[in-house]
Amino acid sequence: MHELALMAGVFDIVKKYTAELPDKKVTRVTLVVGELTNAVPEALESSFQVYAKGTNVEGAELIVRRIPLTALCVECRWEGKVEEYTFICPKCSGLGLEIKTGRELYVESMEVE
């Protein structure tokens, strides 16, 4: 379950940005997750709850914004969603697909009260 390791990184970021706000409570964290990370939203939520317990993040809402895997064909310039990790252009059958989206993994925002 690599979601625990991913969430450790998320909490490093949360701690960094809330270190000077010890009396404030984090109420929402929005995480952007690309399809290629293979992170399961339910496992991210469980990991979030584990890391949040006993911190100023406990009880906060985790929003996971999924980004689909998209690519650009370098041969015919087709651009679109890659289905089932098939890296063959559906238009020209070319093998030169450049990944455009789907590798994202970052904290987009935090709400603090």
PDB file of N, CA and C in Angstrom:
ATOM      1  N   MET A   1       0.840  -1.168   0.000  1.00  0.00           N
ATOM      2  CA  MET A   1       0.000   0.000   0.000  1.00  0.00           C
ATOM      3  C   MET A   1       0.898   1.248   0.000  1.00  0.00           C
ATOM      4  N   HIS A   2       1.176   1.768  -1.178  1.00  0.00           N
ATOM      5  CA  HIS A   2       2.050   2.934  -1.275  1.00  0.00           C
ATOM      6  C   HIS A   2       1.342   4.227  -0.885  1.00  0.00           C
ATOM      7  N   GLU A   3       0.048   4.158  -0.644  1.00  0.00           N
ATOM      8  CA  GLU A   3      -0.695   5.350  -0.239  1.00  0.00           C
ATOM      9  C   GLU A   3      -0.205   5.905   1.097  1.00  0.00           C
ATOM     10  N   LEU A   4       0.239   5.022   2.002  1.00  0.00           N
ATOM     11  CA  LEU A   4       0.790   5.496   3.274  1.00  0.00           C
ATOM     12  C   LEU A   4       2.033   6.340   3.046  1.00  0.00           C
ATOM     13  N   ALA A   5       2.892   5.891   2.146  1.00  0.00           N
ATOM     14  CA  ALA A   5       4.108   6.651   1.829  1.00  0.00           C
ATOM     15  C   ALA A   5       3.749   7.973   1.148  1.00  0.00           C
ATOM     16  N   LEU A   6       2.778   7.954   0.252  1.00  0.00           N
ATOM     17  CA  LEU A   6       2.337   9.183  -0.394  1.00  0.00           C
ATOM     18  C   LEU A   6       1.787  10.163   0.636  1.00  0.00           C
ATOM     19  N   MET A   7       1.012   9.653   1.572  1.00  0.00           N
ATOM     20  CA  MET A   7       0.405  10.525   2.577  1.00  0.00           C
ATOM     21  C   MET A   7       1.449  11.064   3.541  1.00  0.00           C
ATOM     22  N   ALA A   8       2.522  10.330   3.768  1.00  0.00           N
ATOM     23  CA  ALA A   8       3.612  10.855   4.606  1.00  0.00           C
ATOM     24  C   ALA A   8       4.158  12.132   3.983  1.00  0.00           C
ATOM     25  N   GLY A   9       4.309  12.135   2.674  1.00  0.00           N
ATOM     26  CA  GLY A   9       4.769  13.331   1.967  1.00  0.00           C
ATOM     27  C   GLY A   9       3.772  14.471   2.060  1.00  0.00           C
ATOM     28  N   VAL A  10       2.503  14.138   1.966  1.00  0.00           N
ATOM     29  CA  VAL A  10       1.453  15.154   2.086  1.00  0.00           C
ATOM     30  C   VAL A  10       1.526  15.805   3.469  1.00  0.00           C
ATOM     31  N   PHE A  11       1.693  14.991   4.500  1.00  0.00           N
ATOM     32  CA  PHE A  11       1.737  15.547   5.853  1.00  0.00           C
ATOM     33  C   PHE A  11       3.018  16.321   6.121  1.00  0.00           C
ATOM     34  N   ASP A  12       4.096  16.001   5.439  1.00  0.00           N
ATOM     35  CA  ASP A  12       5.300  16.839   5.525  1.00  0.00           C
ATOM     36  C   ASP A  12       4.980  18.246   5.029  1.00  0.00           C
ATOM     37  N   ILE A  13       4.231  18.330   3.939  1.00  0.00           N
ATOM     38  CA  ILE A  13       3.840  19.625   3.377  1.00  0.00           C
ATOM     39  C   ILE A  13       2.892  20.354   4.322  1.00  0.00           C
ATOM     40  N   VAL A  14       1.900  19.642   4.842  1.00  0.00           N
ATOM     41  CA  VAL A  14       0.942  20.256   5.762  1.00  0.00           C
ATOM     42  C   VAL A  14       1.666  20.810   6.987  1.00  0.00           C
ATOM     43  N   LYS A  15       2.581  20.027   7.549  1.00  0.00           N
ATOM     44  CA  LYS A  15       3.335  20.475   8.729  1.00  0.00           C
ATOM     45  C   LYS A  15       4.173  21.709   8.405  1.00  0.00           C
ATOM     46  N   LYS A  16       4.801  21.709   7.245  1.00  0.00           N
ATOM     47  CA  LYS A  16       5.644  22.833   6.851  1.00  0.00           C
ATOM     48  C   LYS A  16       4.834  24.130   6.800  1.00  0.00           C
ATOM     49  N   TYR A  17       3.648  24.078   6.216  1.00  0.00           N
ATOM     50  CA  TYR A  17       2.844  25.279   6.032  1.00  0.00           C
ATOM     51  C   TYR A  17       2.003  25.663   7.241  1.00  0.00           C
ATOM     52  N   THR A  18       1.883  24.767   8.222  1.00  0.00           N
ATOM     53  CA  THR A  18       1.101  25.105   9.409  1.00  0.00           C
ATOM     54  C   THR A  18       1.971  25.204  10.666  1.00  0.00           C
ATOM     55  N   ALA A  19       3.267  25.078  10.525  1.00  0.00           N
ATOM     56  CA  ALA A  19       4.175  25.110  11.682  1.00  0.00           C
ATOM     57  C   ALA A  19       4.039  26.396  12.484  1.00  0.00           C
ATOM     58  N   GLU A  20       3.807  27.489  11.815  1.00  0.00           N
ATOM     59  CA  GLU A  20       3.694  28.769  12.508  1.00  0.00           C
ATOM     60  C   GLU A  20       2.249  29.085  12.904  1.00  0.00           C
ATOM     61  N   LEU A  21       1.372  28.103  12.776  1.00  0.00           N
ATOM     62  CA  LEU A  21      -0.039  28.268  13.130  1.00  0.00           C
ATOM     63  C   LEU A  21      -0.473  27.165  14.097  1.00  0.00           C
ATOM     64  N   PRO A  22       0.216  27.017  15.238  1.00  0.00           N
ATOM     65  CA  PRO A  22      -0.056  25.872  16.116  1.00  0.00           C
ATOM     66  C   PRO A  22      -1.470  25.841  16.697  1.00  0.00           C
ATOM     67  N   ASP A  23      -2.118  26.994  16.801  1.00  0.00           N
ATOM     68  CA  ASP A  23      -3.463  27.041  17.377  1.00  0.00           C
ATOM     69  C   ASP A  23      -4.563  26.938  16.332  1.00  0.00           C
ATOM     70  N   LYS A  24      -4.177  26.807  15.087  1.00  0.00           N
ATOM     71  CA  LYS A  24      -5.148  26.738  13.996  1.00  0.00           C
ATOM     72  C   LYS A  24      -5.431  25.296  13.637  1.00  0.00           C
ATOM     73  N   LYS A  25      -6.636  25.065  13.134  1.00  0.00           N
ATOM     74  CA  LYS A  25      -7.053  23.722  12.743  1.00  0.00           C
ATOM     75  C   LYS A  25      -7.205  23.651  11.225  1.00  0.00           C
ATOM     76  N   VAL A  26      -6.617  22.614  10.634  1.00  0.00           N
ATOM     77  CA  VAL A  26      -6.790  22.364   9.207  1.00  0.00           C
ATOM     78  C   VAL A  26      -8.161  21.719   9.027  1.00  0.00           C
ATOM     79  N   THR A  27      -8.977  22.301   8.139  1.00  0.00           N
ATOM     80  CA  THR A  27     -10.335  21.778   7.947  1.00  0.00           C
ATOM     81  C   THR A  27     -10.514  21.049   6.623  1.00  0.00           C
ATOM     82  N   ARG A  28      -9.630  21.339   5.661  1.00  0.00           N
ATOM     83  CA  ARG A  28      -9.748  20.684   4.356  1.00  0.00           C
ATOM     84  C   ARG A  28      -8.393  20.670   3.676  1.00  0.00           C
ATOM     85  N   VAL A  29      -8.092  19.533   3.039  1.00  0.00           N
ATOM     86  CA  VAL A  29      -6.892  19.391   2.220  1.00  0.00           C
ATOM     87  C   VAL A  29      -7.344  18.861   0.868  1.00  0.00           C
ATOM     88  N   THR A  30      -6.947  19.554  -0.194  1.00  0.00           N
ATOM     89  CA  THR A  30      -7.272  19.111  -1.543  1.00  0.00           C
ATOM     90  C   THR A  30      -5.998  18.576  -2.186  1.00  0.00           C
ATOM     91  N   LEU A  31      -6.073  17.333  -2.621  1.00  0.00           N
ATOM     92  CA  LEU A  31      -4.942  16.624  -3.198  1.00  0.00           C
ATOM     93  C   LEU A  31      -5.239  16.310  -4.653  1.00  0.00           C
ATOM     94  N   VAL A  32      -4.314  16.650  -5.545  1.00  0.00           N
ATOM     95  CA  VAL A  32      -4.449  16.338  -6.965  1.00  0.00           C
ATOM     96  C   VAL A  32      -3.651  15.066  -7.232  1.00  0.00           C
ATOM     97  N   VAL A  33      -4.327  14.063  -7.801  1.00  0.00           N
ATOM     98  CA  VAL A  33      -3.721  12.744  -7.994  1.00  0.00           C
ATOM     99  C   VAL A  33      -3.925  12.283  -9.431  1.00  0.00           C
ATOM    100  N   GLY A  34      -2.832  12.090 -10.155  1.00  0.00           N
ATOM    101  CA  GLY A  34      -2.896  11.597 -11.522  1.00  0.00           C
ATOM    102  C   GLY A  34      -3.131  10.094 -11.562  1.00  0.00           C
ATOM    103  N   GLU A  35      -3.775   9.667 -12.615  1.00  0.00           N
ATOM    104  CA  GLU A  35      -4.120   8.255 -12.801  1.00  0.00           C
ATOM    105  C   GLU A  35      -2.890   7.342 -12.760  1.00  0.00           C
ATOM    106  N   LEU A  36      -1.763   7.817 -13.274  1.00  0.00           N
ATOM    107  CA  LEU A  36      -0.556   6.979 -13.308  1.00  0.00           C
ATOM    108  C   LEU A  36       0.059   6.715 -11.936  1.00  0.00           C
ATOM    109  N   THR A  37      -0.358   7.453 -10.919  1.00  0.00           N
ATOM    110  CA  THR A  37       0.174   7.193  -9.580  1.00  0.00           C
ATOM    111  C   THR A  37      -0.369   5.878  -9.020  1.00  0.00           C
ATOM    112  N   ASN A  38      -1.465   5.407  -9.609  1.00  0.00           N
ATOM    113  CA  ASN A  38      -2.146   4.190  -9.147  1.00  0.00           C
ATOM    114  C   ASN A  38      -2.589   4.278  -7.691  1.00  0.00           C
ATOM    115  N   ALA A  39      -2.770   5.489  -7.197  1.00  0.00           N
ATOM    116  CA  ALA A  39      -3.238   5.675  -5.827  1.00  0.00           C
ATOM    117  C   ALA A  39      -4.747   5.464  -5.781  1.00  0.00           C
ATOM    118  N   VAL A  40      -5.188   4.678  -4.832  1.00  0.00           N
ATOM    119  CA  VAL A  40      -6.604   4.373  -4.655  1.00  0.00           C
ATOM    120  C   VAL A  40      -7.202   5.408  -3.694  1.00  0.00           C
ATOM    121  N   PRO A  41      -8.217   6.149  -4.140  1.00  0.00           N
ATOM    122  CA  PRO A  41      -8.782   7.202  -3.290  1.00  0.00           C
ATOM    123  C   PRO A  41      -9.189   6.733  -1.893  1.00  0.00           C
ATOM    124  N   GLU A  42      -9.774   5.548  -1.781  1.00  0.00           N
ATOM    125  CA  GLU A  42     -10.185   5.039  -0.467  1.00  0.00           C
ATOM    126  C   GLU A  42      -8.972   4.790   0.422  1.00  0.00           C
ATOM    127  N   ALA A  43      -7.888   4.288  -0.156  1.00  0.00           N
ATOM    128  CA  ALA A  43      -6.670   4.043   0.616  1.00  0.00           C
ATOM    129  C   ALA A  43      -6.011   5.365   1.008  1.00  0.00           C
ATOM    130  N   LEU A  44      -6.102   6.371   0.139  1.00  0.00           N
ATOM    131  CA  LEU A  44      -5.592   7.701   0.491  1.00  0.00           C
ATOM    132  C   LEU A  44      -6.362   8.261   1.669  1.00  0.00           C
ATOM    133  N   GLU A  45      -7.678   8.096   1.645  1.00  0.00           N
ATOM    134  CA  GLU A  45      -8.520   8.588   2.740  1.00  0.00           C
ATOM    135  C   GLU A  45      -8.156   7.894   4.050  1.00  0.00           C
ATOM    136  N   SER A  46      -7.988   6.579   4.012  1.00  0.00           N
ATOM    137  CA  SER A  46      -7.612   5.828   5.219  1.00  0.00           C
ATOM    138  C   SER A  46      -6.256   6.282   5.743  1.00  0.00           C
ATOM    139  N   SER A  47      -5.301   6.461   4.842  1.00  0.00           N
ATOM    140  CA  SER A  47      -3.966   6.916   5.228  1.00  0.00           C
ATOM    141  C   SER A  47      -4.026   8.326   5.802  1.00  0.00           C
ATOM    142  N   PHE A  48      -4.865   9.173   5.225  1.00  0.00           N
ATOM    143  CA  PHE A  48      -5.046  10.530   5.715  1.00  0.00           C
ATOM    144  C   PHE A  48      -5.532  10.508   7.161  1.00  0.00           C
ATOM    145  N   GLN A  49      -6.510   9.645   7.437  1.00  0.00           N
ATOM    146  CA  GLN A  49      -7.050   9.554   8.797  1.00  0.00           C
ATOM    147  C   GLN A  49      -5.986   9.072   9.783  1.00  0.00           C
ATOM    148  N   VAL A  50      -5.145   8.132   9.360  1.00  0.00           N
ATOM    149  CA  VAL A  50      -4.070   7.617  10.222  1.00  0.00           C
ATOM    150  C   VAL A  50      -3.104   8.738  10.586  1.00  0.00           C
ATOM    151  N   TYR A  51      -2.655   9.480   9.593  1.00  0.00           N
ATOM    152  CA  TYR A  51      -1.701  10.567   9.839  1.00  0.00           C
ATOM    153  C   TYR A  51      -2.337  11.737  10.582  1.00  0.00           C
ATOM    154  N   ALA A  52      -3.616  11.980  10.395  1.00  0.00           N
ATOM    155  CA  ALA A  52      -4.285  13.127  11.014  1.00  0.00           C
ATOM    156  C   ALA A  52      -4.559  12.919  12.500  1.00  0.00           C
ATOM    157  N   LYS A  53      -4.671  11.679  12.929  1.00  0.00           N
ATOM    158  CA  LYS A  53      -5.046  11.387  14.312  1.00  0.00           C
ATOM    159  C   LYS A  53      -4.091  12.077  15.298  1.00  0.00           C
ATOM    160  N   GLY A  54      -4.687  12.844  16.201  1.00  0.00           N
ATOM    161  CA  GLY A  54      -3.915  13.518  17.239  1.00  0.00           C
ATOM    162  C   GLY A  54      -3.189  14.773  16.777  1.00  0.00           C
ATOM    163  N   THR A  55      -3.493  15.249  15.564  1.00  0.00           N
ATOM    164  CA  THR A  55      -2.853  16.458  15.045  1.00  0.00           C
ATOM    165  C   THR A  55      -3.899  17.535  14.798  1.00  0.00           C
ATOM    166  N   ASN A  56      -3.443  18.702  14.355  1.00  0.00           N
ATOM    167  CA  ASN A  56      -4.387  19.776  14.029  1.00  0.00           C
ATOM    168  C   ASN A  56      -5.125  19.513  12.713  1.00  0.00           C
ATOM    169  N   VAL A  57      -4.917  18.340  12.139  1.00  0.00           N
ATOM    170  CA  VAL A  57      -5.598  17.948  10.899  1.00  0.00           C
ATOM    171  C   VAL A  57      -6.737  16.962  11.184  1.00  0.00           C
ATOM    172  N   GLU A  58      -6.766  16.435  12.391  1.00  0.00           N
ATOM    173  CA  GLU A  58      -7.793  15.448  12.736  1.00  0.00           C
ATOM    174  C   GLU A  58      -9.184  16.025  12.498  1.00  0.00           C
ATOM    175  N   GLY A  59     -10.008  15.285  11.795  1.00  0.00           N
ATOM    176  CA  GLY A  59     -11.362  15.706  11.470  1.00  0.00           C
ATOM    177  C   GLY A  59     -11.477  16.491  10.168  1.00  0.00           C
ATOM    178  N   ALA A  60     -10.329  16.796   9.546  1.00  0.00           N
ATOM    179  CA  ALA A  60     -10.350  17.557   8.292  1.00  0.00           C
ATOM    180  C   ALA A  60     -10.888  16.694   7.152  1.00  0.00           C
ATOM    181  N   GLU A  61     -11.413  17.368   6.150  1.00  0.00           N
ATOM    182  CA  GLU A  61     -11.915  16.699   4.956  1.00  0.00           C
ATOM    183  C   GLU A  61     -10.774  16.573   3.941  1.00  0.00           C
ATOM    184  N   LEU A  62     -10.634  15.402   3.359  1.00  0.00           N
ATOM    185  CA  LEU A  62      -9.678  15.193   2.272  1.00  0.00           C
ATOM    186  C   LEU A  62     -10.463  15.138   0.968  1.00  0.00           C
ATOM    187  N   ILE A  63     -10.095  16.020   0.055  1.00  0.00           N
ATOM    188  CA  ILE A  63     -10.690  16.004  -1.274  1.00  0.00           C
ATOM    189  C   ILE A  63      -9.621  15.525  -2.238  1.00  0.00           C
ATOM    190  N   VAL A  64      -9.925  14.475  -2.981  1.00  0.00           N
ATOM    191  CA  VAL A  64      -8.988  13.928  -3.964  1.00  0.00           C
ATOM    192  C   VAL A  64      -9.516  14.280  -5.346  1.00  0.00           C
ATOM    193  N   ARG A  65      -8.752  15.078  -6.056  1.00  0.00           N
ATOM    194  CA  ARG A  65      -9.122  15.476  -7.428  1.00  0.00           C
ATOM    195  C   ARG A  65      -8.301  14.631  -8.391  1.00  0.00           C
ATOM    196  N   ARG A  66      -8.972  13.707  -9.067  1.00  0.00           N
ATOM    197  CA  ARG A  66      -8.311  12.769  -9.980  1.00  0.00           C
ATOM    198  C   ARG A  66      -8.062  13.417 -11.339  1.00  0.00           C
ATOM    199  N   ILE A  67      -6.868  13.172 -11.888  1.00  0.00           N
ATOM    200  CA  ILE A  67      -6.503  13.673 -13.207  1.00  0.00           C
ATOM    201  C   ILE A  67      -6.323  12.463 -14.129  1.00  0.00           C
ATOM    202  N   PRO A  68      -7.035  12.424 -15.251  1.00  0.00           N
ATOM    203  CA  PRO A  68      -6.929  11.272 -16.154  1.00  0.00           C
ATOM    204  C   PRO A  68      -5.586  11.237 -16.883  1.00  0.00           C
ATOM    205  N   LEU A  69      -5.252  10.072 -17.374  1.00  0.00           N
ATOM    206  CA  LEU A  69      -4.050   9.871 -18.173  1.00  0.00           C
ATOM    207  C   LEU A  69      -4.358  10.300 -19.611  1.00  0.00           C
ATOM    208  N   THR A  70      -3.664  11.337 -20.070  1.00  0.00           N
ATOM    209  CA  THR A  70      -3.831  11.789 -21.451  1.00  0.00           C
ATOM    210  C   THR A  70      -2.466  11.840 -22.125  1.00  0.00           C
ATOM    211  N   ALA A  71      -2.482  11.760 -23.450  1.00  0.00           N
ATOM    212  CA  ALA A  71      -1.229  11.748 -24.202  1.00  0.00           C
ATOM    213  C   ALA A  71      -1.389  12.470 -25.528  1.00  0.00           C
ATOM    214  N   LEU A  72      -0.239  12.765 -26.135  1.00  0.00           N
ATOM    215  CA  LEU A  72      -0.176  13.395 -27.447  1.00  0.00           C
ATOM    216  C   LEU A  72       0.657  12.492 -28.347  1.00  0.00           C
ATOM    217  N   CYS A  73       0.127  12.171 -29.529  1.00  0.00           N
ATOM    218  CA  CYS A  73       0.874  11.366 -30.492  1.00  0.00           C
ATOM    219  C   CYS A  73       1.853  12.279 -31.219  1.00  0.00           C
ATOM    220  N   VAL A  74       3.127  11.933 -31.177  1.00  0.00           N
ATOM    221  CA  VAL A  74       4.140  12.775 -31.825  1.00  0.00           C
ATOM    222  C   VAL A  74       4.118  12.618 -33.346  1.00  0.00           C
ATOM    223  N   GLU A  75       3.421  11.602 -33.837  1.00  0.00           N
ATOM    224  CA  GLU A  75       3.362  11.365 -35.281  1.00  0.00           C
ATOM    225  C   GLU A  75       2.194  12.104 -35.942  1.00  0.00           C
ATOM    226  N   CYS A  76       0.970  11.922 -35.439  1.00  0.00           N
ATOM    227  CA  CYS A  76      -0.200  12.522 -36.094  1.00  0.00           C
ATOM    228  C   CYS A  76      -0.811  13.672 -35.300  1.00  0.00           C
ATOM    229  N   ARG A  77      -0.295  13.937 -34.089  1.00  0.00           N
ATOM    230  CA  ARG A  77      -0.732  15.026 -33.217  1.00  0.00           C
ATOM    231  C   ARG A  77      -2.089  14.774 -32.541  1.00  0.00           C
ATOM    232  N   TRP A  78      -2.590  13.537 -32.589  1.00  0.00           N
ATOM    233  CA  TRP A  78      -3.802  13.201 -31.845  1.00  0.00           C
ATOM    234  C   TRP A  78      -3.527  13.443 -30.363  1.00  0.00           C
ATOM    235  N   GLU A  79      -4.518  13.942 -29.661  1.00  0.00           N
ATOM    236  CA  GLU A  79      -4.390  14.129 -28.224  1.00  0.00           C
ATOM    237  C   GLU A  79      -5.674  13.672 -27.560  1.00  0.00           C
ATOM    238  N   GLY A  80      -5.537  12.883 -26.497  1.00  0.00           N
ATOM    239  CA  GLY A  80      -6.724  12.412 -25.807  1.00  0.00           C
ATOM    240  C   GLY A  80      -6.408  11.488 -24.652  1.00  0.00           C
ATOM    241  N   LYS A  81      -7.456  10.920 -24.084  1.00  0.00           N
ATOM    242  CA  LYS A  81      -7.338  10.032 -22.934  1.00  0.00           C
ATOM    243  C   LYS A  81      -6.790   8.675 -23.373  1.00  0.00           C
ATOM    244  N   VAL A  82      -5.847   8.181 -22.604  1.00  0.00           N
ATOM    245  CA  VAL A  82      -5.278   6.854 -22.849  1.00  0.00           C
ATOM    246  C   VAL A  82      -6.128   5.857 -22.084  1.00  0.00           C
ATOM    247  N   GLU A  83      -6.666   4.892 -22.784  1.00  0.00           N
ATOM    248  CA  GLU A  83      -7.525   3.881 -22.169  1.00  0.00           C
ATOM    249  C   GLU A  83      -6.719   2.641 -21.816  1.00  0.00           C
ATOM    250  N   GLU A  84      -6.912   2.157 -20.601  1.00  0.00           N
ATOM    251  CA  GLU A  84      -6.325   0.894 -20.142  1.00  0.00           C
ATOM    252  C   GLU A  84      -4.818   0.817 -20.361  1.00  0.00           C
ATOM    253  N   TYR A  85      -4.153   1.965 -20.236  1.00  0.00           N
ATOM    254  CA  TYR A  85      -2.685   2.024 -20.368  1.00  0.00           C
ATOM    255  C   TYR A  85      -2.186   1.466 -21.694  1.00  0.00           C
ATOM    256  N   THR A  86      -2.993   1.610 -22.746  1.00  0.00           N
ATOM    257  CA  THR A  86      -2.593   1.191 -24.084  1.00  0.00           C
ATOM    258  C   THR A  86      -1.925   2.390 -24.747  1.00  0.00           C
ATOM    259  N   PHE A  87      -0.608   2.334 -24.854  1.00  0.00           N
ATOM    260  CA  PHE A  87       0.151   3.466 -25.377  1.00  0.00           C
ATOM    261  C   PHE A  87       0.370   3.342 -26.884  1.00  0.00           C
ATOM    262  N   ILE A  88      -0.750   3.129 -27.589  1.00  0.00           N
ATOM    263  CA  ILE A  88      -0.758   3.083 -29.052  1.00  0.00           C
ATOM    264  C   ILE A  88      -1.781   4.111 -29.506  1.00  0.00           C
ATOM    265  N   CYS A  89      -1.401   4.959 -30.424  1.00  0.00           N
ATOM    266  CA  CYS A  89      -2.302   6.006 -30.898  1.00  0.00           C
ATOM    267  C   CYS A  89      -3.538   5.377 -31.536  1.00  0.00           C
ATOM    268  N   PRO A  90      -4.733   5.775 -31.087  1.00  0.00           N
ATOM    269  CA  PRO A  90      -5.957   5.215 -31.672  1.00  0.00           C
ATOM    270  C   PRO A  90      -6.228   5.728 -33.088  1.00  0.00           C
ATOM    271  N   LYS A  91      -5.551   6.789 -33.490  1.00  0.00           N
ATOM    272  CA  LYS A  91      -5.787   7.367 -34.802  1.00  0.00           C
ATOM    273  C   LYS A  91      -4.842   6.795 -35.864  1.00  0.00           C
ATOM    274  N   CYS A  92      -3.523   6.742 -35.562  1.00  0.00           N
ATOM    275  CA  CYS A  92      -2.552   6.306 -36.577  1.00  0.00           C
ATOM    276  C   CYS A  92      -1.795   5.037 -36.188  1.00  0.00           C
ATOM    277  N   SER A  93      -2.080   4.474 -35.021  1.00  0.00           N
ATOM    278  CA  SER A  93      -1.415   3.283 -34.471  1.00  0.00           C
ATOM    279  C   SER A  93       0.060   3.509 -34.174  1.00  0.00           C
ATOM    280  N   GLY A  94       0.462   4.768 -34.091  1.00  0.00           N
ATOM    281  CA  GLY A  94       1.839   5.099 -33.750  1.00  0.00           C
ATOM    282  C   GLY A  94       2.154   4.759 -32.305  1.00  0.00           C
ATOM    283  N   LEU A  95       3.426   4.525 -32.040  1.00  0.00           N
ATOM    284  CA  LEU A  95       3.867   4.171 -30.692  1.00  0.00           C
ATOM    285  C   LEU A  95       4.496   5.355 -29.955  1.00  0.00           C
ATOM    286  N   GLY A  96       4.572   6.496 -30.600  1.00  0.00           N
ATOM    287  CA  GLY A  96       5.209   7.661 -30.002  1.00  0.00           C
ATOM    288  C   GLY A  96       4.238   8.552 -29.264  1.00  0.00           C
ATOM    289  N   LEU A  97       3.735   8.082 -28.133  1.00  0.00           N
ATOM    290  CA  LEU A  97       2.824   8.901 -27.340  1.00  0.00           C
ATOM    291  C   LEU A  97       3.597   9.598 -26.227  1.00  0.00           C
ATOM    292  N   GLU A  98       3.358  10.892 -26.104  1.00  0.00           N
ATOM    293  CA  GLU A  98       3.971  11.699 -25.059  1.00  0.00           C
ATOM    294  C   GLU A  98       2.914  11.936 -23.987  1.00  0.00           C
ATOM    295  N   ILE A  99       3.205  11.570 -22.753  1.00  0.00           N
ATOM    296  CA  ILE A  99       2.245  11.739 -21.664  1.00  0.00           C
ATOM    297  C   ILE A  99       2.076  13.227 -21.372  1.00  0.00           C
ATOM    298  N   LYS A 100       0.828  13.663 -21.348  1.00  0.00           N
ATOM    299  CA  LYS A 100       0.510  15.067 -21.065  1.00  0.00           C
ATOM    300  C   LYS A 100       0.028  15.243 -19.624  1.00  0.00           C
ATOM    301  N   THR A 101      -0.881  14.390 -19.181  1.00  0.00           N
ATOM    302  CA  THR A 101      -1.382  14.455 -17.809  1.00  0.00           C
ATOM    303  C   THR A 101      -1.502  13.043 -17.252  1.00  0.00           C
ATOM    304  N   GLY A 102      -1.549  12.973 -15.928  1.00  0.00           N
ATOM    305  CA  GLY A 102      -1.744  11.682 -15.269  1.00  0.00           C
ATOM    306  C   GLY A 102      -0.655  11.338 -14.277  1.00  0.00           C
ATOM    307  N   ARG A 103       0.423  12.136 -14.250  1.00  0.00           N
ATOM    308  CA  ARG A 103       1.514  11.879 -13.304  1.00  0.00           C
ATOM    309  C   ARG A 103       1.452  12.791 -12.080  1.00  0.00           C
ATOM    310  N   GLU A 104       0.465  13.654 -12.015  1.00  0.00           N
ATOM    311  CA  GLU A 104       0.377  14.652 -10.958  1.00  0.00           C
ATOM    312  C   GLU A 104       0.222  14.012  -9.579  1.00  0.00           C
ATOM    313  N   LEU A 105       0.814  14.648  -8.600  1.00  0.00           N
ATOM    314  CA  LEU A 105       0.609  14.289  -7.204  1.00  0.00           C
ATOM    315  C   LEU A 105       1.093  15.463  -6.366  1.00  0.00           C
ATOM    316  N   TYR A 106       0.126  16.291  -5.948  1.00  0.00           N
ATOM    317  CA  TYR A 106       0.507  17.456  -5.142  1.00  0.00           C
ATOM    318  C   TYR A 106      -0.680  17.956  -4.325  1.00  0.00           C
ATOM    319  N   VAL A 107      -0.330  18.694  -3.270  1.00  0.00           N
ATOM    320  CA  VAL A 107      -1.340  19.343  -2.465  1.00  0.00           C
ATOM    321  C   VAL A 107      -1.739  20.620  -3.180  1.00  0.00           C
ATOM    322  N   GLU A 108      -2.995  20.701  -3.591  1.00  0.00           N
ATOM    323  CA  GLU A 108      -3.470  21.871  -4.318  1.00  0.00           C
ATOM    324  C   GLU A 108      -3.839  23.008  -3.373  1.00  0.00           C
ATOM    325  N   SER A 109      -4.458  22.651  -2.238  1.00  0.00           N
ATOM    326  CA  SER A 109      -4.849  23.687  -1.293  1.00  0.00           C
ATOM    327  C   SER A 109      -5.117  23.090   0.083  1.00  0.00           C
ATOM    328  N   MET A 110      -5.096  23.989   1.073  1.00  0.00           N
ATOM    329  CA  MET A 110      -5.453  23.645   2.449  1.00  0.00           C
ATOM    330  C   MET A 110      -6.320  24.769   2.992  1.00  0.00           C
ATOM    331  N   GLU A 111      -7.303  24.416   3.776  1.00  0.00           N
ATOM    332  CA  GLU A 111      -8.105  25.416   4.469  1.00  0.00           C
ATOM    333  C   GLU A 111      -7.810  25.295   5.961  1.00  0.00           C
ATOM    334  N   VAL A 112      -7.566  26.438   6.575  1.00  0.00           N
ATOM    335  CA  VAL A 112      -7.194  26.485   7.986  1.00  0.00           C
ATOM    336  C   VAL A 112      -8.096  27.493   8.691  1.00  0.00           C
ATOM    337  N   GLU A 113      -8.583  27.110   9.887  1.00  0.00           N
ATOM    338  CA  GLU A 113      -9.404  28.029  10.689  1.00  0.00           C
ATOM    339  C   GLU A 113      -8.662  28.398  11.954  1.00  0.00           C
TER     340      GLU A 113
END
